[in-house]
């Protein structure tokens, strides 16, 4: 049940953003990003409050996302320019990539703190390799976001957020399973 609540808390603001954009866009798909950003900025703190109430904590990723949404969403509204909300994913991806690859370079697998509870115990070398792999993936995702928003319509960019980035992330996560399974630490069973 907690996983469903967590998923709703994380995806809720994004779903509301997409719905608002669709609602406020004209028939050509233009004009909805700025009003949707305003609604997104309201939905984010509500999501954080729900996280605190139902999960008793606010995940670091939610704090980071809320911070970027506040700053870049605020700039989007202030300057009446969609560019800031479009570059938010690029900046977040590059931040994550920098953190993960920096940790990899210094032998500190920061990704471990995010995923350790959800995975079986694995060797430290596997955490380092997973950090490296996700760091590279986030560079790719940042470049892809930049390419799409600069070369396609708002509707296409939003479509890609759901139907390209989410499936790619899921496929990439699944591609890491052989690495994880190879480095699982077997628990020793005591003889009775």
N, C-alpha and C. Protein backbone atom coordinates (compact mmCIF):
# COMPACT_ATOMS: atom_id res chain seq x y z
N UNK A 1 0.82 -1.20 0.00
CA UNK A 1 0.00 0.00 0.00
C UNK A 1 0.86 1.26 0.00
N UNK A 2 1.97 1.23 0.80
CA UNK A 2 2.87 2.39 0.84
C UNK A 2 3.47 2.69 -0.52
N UNK A 3 3.75 1.64 -1.31
CA UNK A 3 4.33 1.85 -2.64
C UNK A 3 3.36 2.57 -3.56
N UNK A 4 2.08 2.25 -3.45
CA UNK A 4 1.06 2.92 -4.26
C UNK A 4 0.95 4.39 -3.85
N UNK A 5 0.94 4.63 -2.55
CA UNK A 5 0.89 6.02 -2.06
C UNK A 5 2.12 6.79 -2.52
N UNK A 6 3.29 6.16 -2.42
CA UNK A 6 4.54 6.81 -2.85
C UNK A 6 4.48 7.14 -4.34
N UNK A 7 3.99 6.21 -5.14
CA UNK A 7 3.87 6.44 -6.58
C UNK A 7 2.92 7.59 -6.89
N UNK A 8 1.79 7.62 -6.19
CA UNK A 8 0.83 8.72 -6.38
C UNK A 8 1.41 10.06 -5.97
N UNK A 9 2.17 10.07 -4.88
CA UNK A 9 2.79 11.31 -4.40
C UNK A 9 3.82 11.80 -5.41
N UNK A 10 4.59 10.89 -5.97
CA UNK A 10 5.63 11.29 -6.93
C UNK A 10 5.06 11.66 -8.29
N UNK A 11 4.07 10.92 -8.75
CA UNK A 11 3.52 11.17 -10.09
C UNK A 11 2.34 12.13 -10.10
N UNK A 12 1.70 12.33 -8.96
CA UNK A 12 0.52 13.18 -8.89
C UNK A 12 0.71 14.56 -9.49
N UNK A 13 1.74 15.32 -9.03
CA UNK A 13 1.95 16.65 -9.60
C UNK A 13 2.21 16.62 -11.12
N UNK A 14 2.92 15.60 -11.58
CA UNK A 14 3.21 15.49 -13.00
C UNK A 14 1.93 15.21 -13.80
N UNK A 15 1.09 14.34 -13.28
CA UNK A 15 -0.18 14.04 -13.94
C UNK A 15 -1.05 15.30 -13.99
N UNK A 16 -1.08 16.03 -12.89
CA UNK A 16 -1.84 17.29 -12.84
C UNK A 16 -1.27 18.29 -13.84
N UNK A 17 0.06 18.37 -13.96
CA UNK A 17 0.70 19.25 -14.92
C UNK A 17 0.26 18.91 -16.35
N UNK A 18 0.29 17.62 -16.69
CA UNK A 18 -0.10 17.21 -18.04
C UNK A 18 -1.58 17.51 -18.30
N UNK A 19 -2.40 17.23 -17.32
CA UNK A 19 -3.83 17.51 -17.48
C UNK A 19 -4.06 19.01 -17.66
N UNK A 20 -3.43 19.84 -16.83
CA UNK A 20 -3.59 21.30 -16.92
C UNK A 20 -3.10 21.82 -18.26
N UNK A 21 -1.97 21.31 -18.72
CA UNK A 21 -1.45 21.74 -20.02
C UNK A 21 -2.45 21.42 -21.12
N UNK A 22 -3.00 20.23 -21.07
CA UNK A 22 -3.99 19.82 -22.08
C UNK A 22 -5.23 20.70 -22.00
N UNK A 23 -5.64 21.02 -20.79
CA UNK A 23 -6.84 21.83 -20.58
C UNK A 23 -6.66 23.26 -21.11
N UNK A 24 -5.49 23.85 -20.87
CA UNK A 24 -5.27 25.25 -21.23
C UNK A 24 -4.69 25.46 -22.63
N UNK A 25 -4.26 24.39 -23.28
CA UNK A 25 -3.69 24.52 -24.63
C UNK A 25 -4.79 24.72 -25.66
N UNK A 26 -4.44 25.43 -26.72
CA UNK A 26 -5.40 25.58 -27.82
C UNK A 26 -5.37 24.32 -28.67
N UNK A 27 -6.12 24.33 -29.76
CA UNK A 27 -6.23 23.13 -30.59
C UNK A 27 -4.90 22.72 -31.24
N UNK A 28 -3.93 23.63 -31.31
CA UNK A 28 -2.62 23.28 -31.87
C UNK A 28 -1.63 22.85 -30.78
N UNK A 29 -2.07 22.81 -29.52
CA UNK A 29 -1.21 22.37 -28.42
C UNK A 29 -0.37 23.48 -27.82
N UNK A 30 -0.71 24.74 -28.12
CA UNK A 30 0.08 25.88 -27.65
C UNK A 30 -0.68 26.62 -26.55
N UNK A 31 0.07 27.21 -25.62
CA UNK A 31 -0.51 28.09 -24.63
C UNK A 31 -0.80 27.50 -23.27
N UNK A 32 -0.54 26.22 -23.10
CA UNK A 32 -0.88 25.59 -21.83
C UNK A 32 0.25 25.44 -20.84
N UNK A 33 1.50 25.59 -21.29
CA UNK A 33 2.62 25.30 -20.39
C UNK A 33 2.72 26.27 -19.21
N UNK A 34 2.47 27.53 -19.42
CA UNK A 34 2.62 28.49 -18.32
C UNK A 34 1.51 28.33 -17.28
N UNK A 35 0.23 28.25 -17.68
CA UNK A 35 -0.79 27.98 -16.64
C UNK A 35 -0.58 26.62 -15.97
N UNK A 36 -0.13 25.63 -16.74
CA UNK A 36 0.12 24.31 -16.16
C UNK A 36 1.28 24.37 -15.16
N UNK A 37 2.26 25.23 -15.44
CA UNK A 37 3.38 25.40 -14.52
C UNK A 37 2.90 26.00 -13.20
N UNK A 38 1.99 26.97 -13.27
CA UNK A 38 1.44 27.57 -12.05
C UNK A 38 0.75 26.50 -11.20
N UNK A 39 -0.03 25.66 -11.85
CA UNK A 39 -0.75 24.60 -11.14
C UNK A 39 0.24 23.56 -10.60
N UNK A 40 1.26 23.25 -11.38
CA UNK A 40 2.31 22.32 -10.97
C UNK A 40 3.00 22.81 -9.70
N UNK A 41 3.25 24.12 -9.65
CA UNK A 41 3.92 24.71 -8.48
C UNK A 41 3.04 24.65 -7.23
N UNK A 42 1.75 24.60 -7.39
CA UNK A 42 0.83 24.43 -6.25
C UNK A 42 0.75 22.95 -5.87
N UNK A 43 0.73 22.08 -6.88
CA UNK A 43 0.60 20.64 -6.63
C UNK A 43 1.82 20.07 -5.92
N UNK A 44 2.99 20.63 -6.16
CA UNK A 44 4.23 20.08 -5.59
C UNK A 44 4.25 20.15 -4.06
N UNK A 45 3.98 21.33 -3.45
CA UNK A 45 3.97 21.34 -1.98
C UNK A 45 2.85 20.49 -1.39
N UNK A 46 1.74 20.39 -2.09
CA UNK A 46 0.66 19.51 -1.63
C UNK A 46 1.15 18.07 -1.61
N UNK A 47 1.88 17.70 -2.64
CA UNK A 47 2.46 16.36 -2.71
C UNK A 47 3.43 16.12 -1.55
N UNK A 48 4.22 17.14 -1.22
CA UNK A 48 5.18 17.00 -0.13
C UNK A 48 4.47 16.87 1.22
N UNK A 49 3.40 17.62 1.40
CA UNK A 49 2.61 17.52 2.63
C UNK A 49 2.01 16.12 2.75
N UNK A 50 1.48 15.61 1.64
CA UNK A 50 0.92 14.26 1.64
C UNK A 50 2.00 13.23 1.97
N UNK A 51 3.19 13.43 1.44
CA UNK A 51 4.29 12.53 1.74
C UNK A 51 4.60 12.52 3.23
N UNK A 52 4.63 13.69 3.82
CA UNK A 52 4.91 13.80 5.26
C UNK A 52 3.80 13.14 6.08
N UNK A 53 2.55 13.33 5.67
CA UNK A 53 1.41 12.77 6.40
C UNK A 53 1.36 11.25 6.26
N UNK A 54 1.42 10.76 5.01
CA UNK A 54 1.19 9.33 4.76
C UNK A 54 2.45 8.47 4.87
N UNK A 55 3.60 9.02 4.50
CA UNK A 55 4.84 8.24 4.52
C UNK A 55 5.76 8.63 5.68
N UNK A 56 5.36 9.69 6.41
CA UNK A 56 6.11 10.18 7.58
C UNK A 56 7.47 10.79 7.22
N UNK A 57 7.71 11.02 5.93
CA UNK A 57 8.96 11.64 5.50
C UNK A 57 8.79 12.21 4.10
N UNK A 58 9.72 13.07 3.72
CA UNK A 58 9.76 13.61 2.37
C UNK A 58 11.07 13.16 1.75
N UNK A 59 10.98 12.39 0.69
CA UNK A 59 12.17 11.82 0.05
C UNK A 59 13.07 12.92 -0.51
N UNK A 60 14.38 12.69 -0.49
CA UNK A 60 15.31 13.69 -1.04
C UNK A 60 15.01 14.07 -2.49
N UNK A 61 14.60 13.09 -3.29
CA UNK A 61 14.28 13.37 -4.70
C UNK A 61 13.11 14.34 -4.80
N UNK A 62 12.15 14.23 -3.90
CA UNK A 62 11.00 15.13 -3.90
C UNK A 62 11.43 16.55 -3.53
N UNK A 63 12.35 16.68 -2.56
CA UNK A 63 12.88 17.99 -2.20
C UNK A 63 13.62 18.63 -3.38
N UNK A 64 14.46 17.84 -4.03
CA UNK A 64 15.24 18.35 -5.17
C UNK A 64 14.31 18.80 -6.29
N UNK A 65 13.36 17.94 -6.61
CA UNK A 65 12.41 18.27 -7.68
C UNK A 65 11.61 19.52 -7.33
N UNK A 66 11.16 19.62 -6.10
CA UNK A 66 10.39 20.79 -5.67
C UNK A 66 11.23 22.06 -5.75
N UNK A 67 12.50 21.96 -5.38
CA UNK A 67 13.39 23.11 -5.47
C UNK A 67 13.54 23.60 -6.90
N UNK A 68 13.77 22.67 -7.81
CA UNK A 68 13.91 23.06 -9.22
C UNK A 68 12.60 23.59 -9.79
N UNK A 69 11.50 22.97 -9.41
CA UNK A 69 10.21 23.44 -9.91
C UNK A 69 9.92 24.85 -9.39
N UNK A 70 10.27 25.10 -8.13
CA UNK A 70 10.05 26.44 -7.57
C UNK A 70 10.86 27.49 -8.32
N UNK A 71 12.15 27.22 -8.50
CA UNK A 71 13.02 28.20 -9.15
C UNK A 71 12.69 28.34 -10.63
N UNK A 72 12.72 27.23 -11.35
CA UNK A 72 12.52 27.31 -12.80
C UNK A 72 11.06 27.58 -13.17
N UNK A 73 10.14 27.08 -12.35
CA UNK A 73 8.73 27.42 -12.57
C UNK A 73 8.49 28.89 -12.32
N UNK A 74 9.11 29.42 -11.26
CA UNK A 74 9.00 30.85 -10.97
C UNK A 74 9.56 31.70 -12.10
N UNK A 75 10.69 31.28 -12.66
CA UNK A 75 11.27 32.01 -13.80
C UNK A 75 10.37 31.90 -15.03
N UNK A 76 9.76 30.74 -15.22
CA UNK A 76 8.83 30.55 -16.34
C UNK A 76 7.69 31.55 -16.24
N UNK A 77 7.14 31.68 -15.06
CA UNK A 77 6.00 32.59 -14.85
C UNK A 77 6.45 34.05 -14.91
N UNK A 78 7.53 34.38 -14.25
CA UNK A 78 7.99 35.76 -14.19
C UNK A 78 8.33 36.31 -15.58
N UNK A 79 9.07 35.51 -16.35
CA UNK A 79 9.48 35.97 -17.68
C UNK A 79 8.48 35.59 -18.78
N UNK A 80 7.41 34.89 -18.38
CA UNK A 80 6.40 34.44 -19.34
C UNK A 80 7.07 33.69 -20.50
N UNK A 81 7.97 32.78 -20.12
CA UNK A 81 8.75 32.04 -21.10
C UNK A 81 8.78 30.56 -20.73
N UNK A 82 8.43 29.73 -21.67
CA UNK A 82 8.37 28.28 -21.43
C UNK A 82 9.75 27.63 -21.36
N UNK A 83 10.78 28.34 -21.76
CA UNK A 83 12.12 27.75 -21.82
C UNK A 83 12.57 27.22 -20.46
N UNK A 84 12.24 27.91 -19.40
CA UNK A 84 12.74 27.51 -18.08
C UNK A 84 12.16 26.17 -17.62
N UNK A 85 10.88 25.95 -17.90
CA UNK A 85 10.28 24.67 -17.50
C UNK A 85 10.77 23.55 -18.42
N UNK A 86 11.13 23.90 -19.65
CA UNK A 86 11.64 22.90 -20.58
C UNK A 86 13.07 22.48 -20.26
N UNK A 87 13.87 23.39 -19.68
CA UNK A 87 15.25 23.01 -19.36
C UNK A 87 15.37 22.37 -17.97
N UNK A 88 14.29 22.40 -17.19
CA UNK A 88 14.33 21.79 -15.86
C UNK A 88 14.79 20.33 -15.91
N UNK A 89 14.21 19.48 -16.79
CA UNK A 89 14.70 18.09 -16.81
C UNK A 89 16.19 18.00 -17.16
N UNK A 90 16.64 18.85 -18.09
CA UNK A 90 18.05 18.83 -18.46
C UNK A 90 18.93 19.14 -17.26
N UNK A 91 18.58 20.17 -16.51
CA UNK A 91 19.37 20.57 -15.34
C UNK A 91 19.34 19.47 -14.28
N UNK A 92 18.17 18.90 -14.03
CA UNK A 92 18.06 17.82 -13.04
C UNK A 92 18.89 16.61 -13.48
N UNK A 93 18.77 16.23 -14.74
CA UNK A 93 19.55 15.08 -15.24
C UNK A 93 21.05 15.33 -15.11
N UNK A 94 21.48 16.55 -15.46
CA UNK A 94 22.91 16.86 -15.36
C UNK A 94 23.38 16.91 -13.91
N UNK A 95 22.53 17.40 -13.01
CA UNK A 95 22.88 17.40 -11.59
C UNK A 95 23.05 15.97 -11.09
N UNK A 96 22.07 15.11 -11.39
CA UNK A 96 22.17 13.71 -10.97
C UNK A 96 23.40 13.04 -11.56
N UNK A 97 23.65 13.31 -12.84
CA UNK A 97 24.81 12.73 -13.50
C UNK A 97 26.10 13.18 -12.82
N UNK A 98 26.19 14.47 -12.52
CA UNK A 98 27.40 14.99 -11.85
C UNK A 98 27.61 14.35 -10.49
N UNK A 99 26.53 14.23 -9.73
CA UNK A 99 26.63 13.61 -8.40
C UNK A 99 27.05 12.15 -8.51
N UNK A 100 26.41 11.42 -9.42
CA UNK A 100 26.72 9.99 -9.53
C UNK A 100 28.11 9.74 -10.11
N UNK A 101 28.48 10.48 -11.15
CA UNK A 101 29.80 10.28 -11.74
C UNK A 101 30.90 10.82 -10.83
N UNK A 102 30.62 11.91 -10.12
CA UNK A 102 31.59 12.40 -9.13
C UNK A 102 31.80 11.39 -8.03
N UNK A 103 30.71 10.81 -7.54
CA UNK A 103 30.81 9.76 -6.53
C UNK A 103 31.58 8.56 -7.05
N UNK A 104 31.31 8.20 -8.30
CA UNK A 104 32.02 7.07 -8.92
C UNK A 104 33.52 7.36 -8.97
N UNK A 105 33.88 8.57 -9.38
CA UNK A 105 35.29 8.95 -9.49
C UNK A 105 36.00 8.89 -8.14
N UNK A 106 35.28 9.18 -7.06
CA UNK A 106 35.87 9.17 -5.72
C UNK A 106 35.57 7.89 -4.94
N UNK A 107 34.99 6.90 -5.62
CA UNK A 107 34.71 5.62 -4.96
C UNK A 107 33.56 5.67 -3.97
N UNK A 108 32.65 6.63 -4.16
CA UNK A 108 31.48 6.78 -3.27
C UNK A 108 30.20 6.60 -4.09
N UNK A 109 29.57 5.44 -3.99
CA UNK A 109 28.36 5.19 -4.78
C UNK A 109 27.12 5.84 -4.14
N UNK A 110 26.89 7.11 -4.47
CA UNK A 110 25.78 7.83 -3.87
C UNK A 110 24.41 7.22 -4.20
N UNK A 111 24.33 6.50 -5.29
CA UNK A 111 23.06 5.89 -5.67
C UNK A 111 22.62 4.84 -4.64
N UNK A 112 23.57 4.34 -3.90
CA UNK A 112 23.30 3.32 -2.88
C UNK A 112 22.29 3.83 -1.84
N UNK A 113 22.40 5.10 -1.45
CA UNK A 113 21.49 5.64 -0.44
C UNK A 113 20.05 5.70 -0.93
N UNK A 114 19.87 5.80 -2.25
CA UNK A 114 18.51 5.86 -2.80
C UNK A 114 17.88 4.48 -2.97
N UNK A 115 18.70 3.51 -3.39
CA UNK A 115 18.14 2.22 -3.80
C UNK A 115 18.47 1.05 -2.88
N UNK A 116 19.30 1.26 -1.89
CA UNK A 116 19.74 0.14 -1.05
C UNK A 116 18.57 -0.60 -0.40
N UNK A 117 17.58 0.14 0.07
CA UNK A 117 16.46 -0.51 0.76
C UNK A 117 15.62 -1.37 -0.18
N UNK A 118 15.61 -1.05 -1.46
CA UNK A 118 14.77 -1.77 -2.41
C UNK A 118 15.45 -2.90 -3.14
N UNK A 119 16.72 -3.12 -2.86
CA UNK A 119 17.46 -4.17 -3.56
C UNK A 119 18.05 -5.15 -2.57
N UNK A 120 18.37 -6.36 -3.06
CA UNK A 120 19.06 -7.29 -2.16
C UNK A 120 20.46 -6.75 -1.87
N UNK A 121 21.11 -7.24 -0.81
CA UNK A 121 22.47 -6.78 -0.52
C UNK A 121 23.40 -7.12 -1.69
N UNK A 122 24.12 -6.09 -2.19
CA UNK A 122 25.06 -6.32 -3.29
C UNK A 122 26.42 -5.74 -2.93
N UNK A 123 27.44 -6.21 -3.65
CA UNK A 123 28.82 -5.79 -3.38
C UNK A 123 29.00 -4.31 -3.74
N UNK A 124 29.97 -3.70 -3.10
CA UNK A 124 30.25 -2.27 -3.30
C UNK A 124 30.62 -1.96 -4.75
N UNK A 125 31.33 -2.88 -5.41
CA UNK A 125 31.72 -2.67 -6.81
C UNK A 125 30.49 -2.55 -7.70
N UNK A 126 29.45 -3.29 -7.36
CA UNK A 126 28.21 -3.20 -8.14
C UNK A 126 27.57 -1.83 -7.97
N UNK A 127 27.58 -1.30 -6.74
CA UNK A 127 27.02 0.04 -6.52
C UNK A 127 27.79 1.07 -7.33
N UNK A 128 29.10 0.92 -7.38
CA UNK A 128 29.91 1.86 -8.16
C UNK A 128 29.56 1.77 -9.65
N UNK A 129 29.44 0.56 -10.15
CA UNK A 129 29.10 0.38 -11.57
C UNK A 129 27.70 0.91 -11.89
N UNK A 130 26.76 0.68 -10.98
CA UNK A 130 25.40 1.19 -11.17
C UNK A 130 25.42 2.72 -11.16
N UNK A 131 26.19 3.32 -10.26
CA UNK A 131 26.33 4.78 -10.22
C UNK A 131 26.88 5.30 -11.54
N UNK A 132 27.93 4.66 -12.03
CA UNK A 132 28.52 5.06 -13.31
C UNK A 132 27.50 4.95 -14.44
N UNK A 133 26.82 3.82 -14.49
CA UNK A 133 25.86 3.58 -15.58
C UNK A 133 24.73 4.59 -15.56
N UNK A 134 24.17 4.86 -14.38
CA UNK A 134 23.09 5.85 -14.28
C UNK A 134 23.61 7.25 -14.58
N UNK A 135 24.84 7.54 -14.17
CA UNK A 135 25.43 8.84 -14.49
C UNK A 135 25.51 9.05 -15.99
N UNK A 136 25.93 8.03 -16.72
CA UNK A 136 26.00 8.12 -18.18
C UNK A 136 24.59 8.21 -18.77
N UNK A 137 23.68 7.42 -18.23
CA UNK A 137 22.29 7.48 -18.72
C UNK A 137 21.71 8.89 -18.56
N UNK A 138 21.96 9.53 -17.42
CA UNK A 138 21.41 10.87 -17.21
C UNK A 138 22.01 11.90 -18.17
N UNK A 139 23.26 11.73 -18.58
CA UNK A 139 23.82 12.61 -19.61
C UNK A 139 23.05 12.42 -20.91
N UNK A 140 22.81 11.17 -21.27
CA UNK A 140 22.04 10.87 -22.48
C UNK A 140 20.64 11.48 -22.39
N UNK A 141 19.98 11.32 -21.24
CA UNK A 141 18.62 11.85 -21.06
C UNK A 141 18.62 13.38 -21.17
N UNK A 142 19.64 14.03 -20.62
CA UNK A 142 19.74 15.49 -20.72
C UNK A 142 19.88 15.93 -22.18
N UNK A 143 20.73 15.23 -22.91
CA UNK A 143 20.92 15.57 -24.33
C UNK A 143 19.64 15.33 -25.12
N UNK A 144 18.95 14.24 -24.82
CA UNK A 144 17.70 13.94 -25.51
C UNK A 144 16.64 14.99 -25.22
N UNK A 145 16.53 15.40 -23.95
CA UNK A 145 15.57 16.45 -23.60
C UNK A 145 15.87 17.73 -24.37
N UNK A 146 17.14 18.11 -24.41
CA UNK A 146 17.53 19.32 -25.14
C UNK A 146 17.16 19.21 -26.62
N UNK A 147 17.44 18.07 -27.21
CA UNK A 147 17.13 17.87 -28.62
C UNK A 147 15.62 17.98 -28.88
N UNK A 148 14.84 17.33 -28.04
CA UNK A 148 13.39 17.29 -28.27
C UNK A 148 12.76 18.66 -28.08
N UNK A 149 13.07 19.36 -26.98
CA UNK A 149 12.38 20.64 -26.77
C UNK A 149 12.81 21.69 -27.78
N UNK A 150 14.02 21.58 -28.30
CA UNK A 150 14.50 22.57 -29.26
C UNK A 150 13.99 22.31 -30.69
N UNK A 151 13.62 21.06 -30.97
CA UNK A 151 13.28 20.70 -32.36
C UNK A 151 11.83 20.28 -32.58
N UNK A 152 11.07 20.15 -31.52
CA UNK A 152 9.69 19.69 -31.66
C UNK A 152 8.73 20.62 -30.92
N UNK A 153 7.47 20.40 -31.14
CA UNK A 153 6.43 21.24 -30.52
C UNK A 153 6.32 20.95 -29.02
N UNK A 154 5.60 21.84 -28.32
CA UNK A 154 5.32 21.61 -26.90
C UNK A 154 4.61 20.29 -26.69
N UNK A 155 3.64 20.01 -27.54
CA UNK A 155 2.87 18.77 -27.41
C UNK A 155 3.79 17.56 -27.57
N UNK A 156 4.71 17.63 -28.54
CA UNK A 156 5.64 16.52 -28.75
C UNK A 156 6.60 16.37 -27.56
N UNK A 157 7.06 17.50 -27.03
CA UNK A 157 7.96 17.46 -25.87
C UNK A 157 7.25 16.82 -24.68
N UNK A 158 6.01 17.23 -24.43
CA UNK A 158 5.25 16.64 -23.32
C UNK A 158 4.96 15.16 -23.57
N UNK A 159 4.64 14.82 -24.79
CA UNK A 159 4.40 13.42 -25.15
C UNK A 159 5.65 12.60 -24.85
N UNK A 160 6.82 13.15 -25.22
CA UNK A 160 8.08 12.44 -24.98
C UNK A 160 8.36 12.26 -23.49
N UNK A 161 7.93 13.21 -22.65
CA UNK A 161 8.15 13.09 -21.21
C UNK A 161 7.48 11.82 -20.68
N UNK A 162 6.32 11.49 -21.24
CA UNK A 162 5.60 10.29 -20.79
C UNK A 162 6.02 9.05 -21.57
N UNK A 163 6.02 9.13 -22.87
CA UNK A 163 6.14 7.95 -23.72
C UNK A 163 7.55 7.66 -24.21
N UNK A 164 8.51 8.52 -23.89
CA UNK A 164 9.91 8.25 -24.24
C UNK A 164 10.74 8.14 -22.96
N UNK A 165 10.74 9.20 -22.14
CA UNK A 165 11.62 9.23 -20.97
C UNK A 165 11.25 8.19 -19.91
N UNK A 166 9.97 8.05 -19.63
CA UNK A 166 9.58 7.07 -18.60
C UNK A 166 9.90 5.64 -19.04
N UNK A 167 9.50 5.23 -20.26
CA UNK A 167 9.86 3.87 -20.68
C UNK A 167 11.37 3.66 -20.78
N UNK A 168 12.10 4.66 -21.27
CA UNK A 168 13.56 4.53 -21.35
C UNK A 168 14.16 4.32 -19.96
N UNK A 169 13.69 5.07 -18.98
CA UNK A 169 14.19 4.91 -17.61
C UNK A 169 13.88 3.53 -17.07
N UNK A 170 12.68 3.04 -17.33
CA UNK A 170 12.30 1.70 -16.88
C UNK A 170 13.14 0.63 -17.56
N UNK A 171 13.31 0.75 -18.87
CA UNK A 171 14.13 -0.21 -19.61
C UNK A 171 15.58 -0.17 -19.11
N UNK A 172 16.09 1.04 -18.89
CA UNK A 172 17.47 1.15 -18.40
C UNK A 172 17.60 0.52 -17.01
N UNK A 173 16.62 0.78 -16.15
CA UNK A 173 16.66 0.18 -14.80
C UNK A 173 16.66 -1.35 -14.90
N UNK A 174 15.82 -1.87 -15.78
CA UNK A 174 15.78 -3.33 -15.95
C UNK A 174 17.09 -3.86 -16.52
N UNK A 175 17.75 -3.07 -17.35
CA UNK A 175 19.02 -3.52 -17.94
C UNK A 175 20.11 -3.64 -16.88
N UNK A 176 19.91 -3.05 -15.72
CA UNK A 176 20.90 -3.12 -14.63
C UNK A 176 20.74 -4.39 -13.79
N UNK A 177 19.63 -5.11 -13.98
CA UNK A 177 19.37 -6.30 -13.17
C UNK A 177 20.45 -7.38 -13.29
N UNK A 178 20.96 -7.68 -14.49
CA UNK A 178 22.03 -8.69 -14.53
C UNK A 178 23.26 -8.28 -13.70
N UNK A 179 23.60 -7.02 -13.72
CA UNK A 179 24.72 -6.52 -12.91
C UNK A 179 24.43 -6.71 -11.43
N UNK A 180 23.21 -6.38 -11.05
CA UNK A 180 22.81 -6.53 -9.65
C UNK A 180 22.84 -8.00 -9.24
N UNK A 181 22.26 -8.86 -10.06
CA UNK A 181 22.19 -10.28 -9.73
C UNK A 181 23.58 -10.92 -9.68
N UNK A 182 24.49 -10.44 -10.51
CA UNK A 182 25.85 -10.98 -10.53
C UNK A 182 26.58 -10.68 -9.22
N UNK A 183 26.22 -9.58 -8.57
CA UNK A 183 26.95 -9.13 -7.38
C UNK A 183 26.14 -9.24 -6.08
N UNK A 184 25.07 -10.03 -6.10
CA UNK A 184 24.29 -10.22 -4.87
C UNK A 184 25.16 -10.92 -3.84
N UNK A 185 25.11 -10.42 -2.62
CA UNK A 185 25.84 -11.03 -1.51
C UNK A 185 24.93 -12.10 -0.93
N UNK A 186 25.39 -13.33 -1.03
CA UNK A 186 24.60 -14.45 -0.50
C UNK A 186 24.64 -14.44 1.01
N UNK A 187 23.47 -14.54 1.61
CA UNK A 187 23.41 -14.60 3.07
C UNK A 187 23.76 -16.02 3.52
N UNK A 188 24.61 -16.09 4.51
CA UNK A 188 24.99 -17.39 5.02
C UNK A 188 23.92 -17.93 5.96
N UNK A 189 23.57 -19.18 5.77
CA UNK A 189 22.58 -19.82 6.60
C UNK A 189 23.30 -20.62 7.68
N UNK A 190 22.96 -20.34 8.92
CA UNK A 190 23.60 -21.04 10.03
C UNK A 190 23.00 -22.43 10.18
N UNK A 191 23.88 -23.43 10.43
CA UNK A 191 23.40 -24.78 10.69
C UNK A 191 22.88 -24.86 12.10
N UNK A 192 21.75 -25.54 12.25
CA UNK A 192 21.16 -25.67 13.58
C UNK A 192 21.44 -27.04 14.12
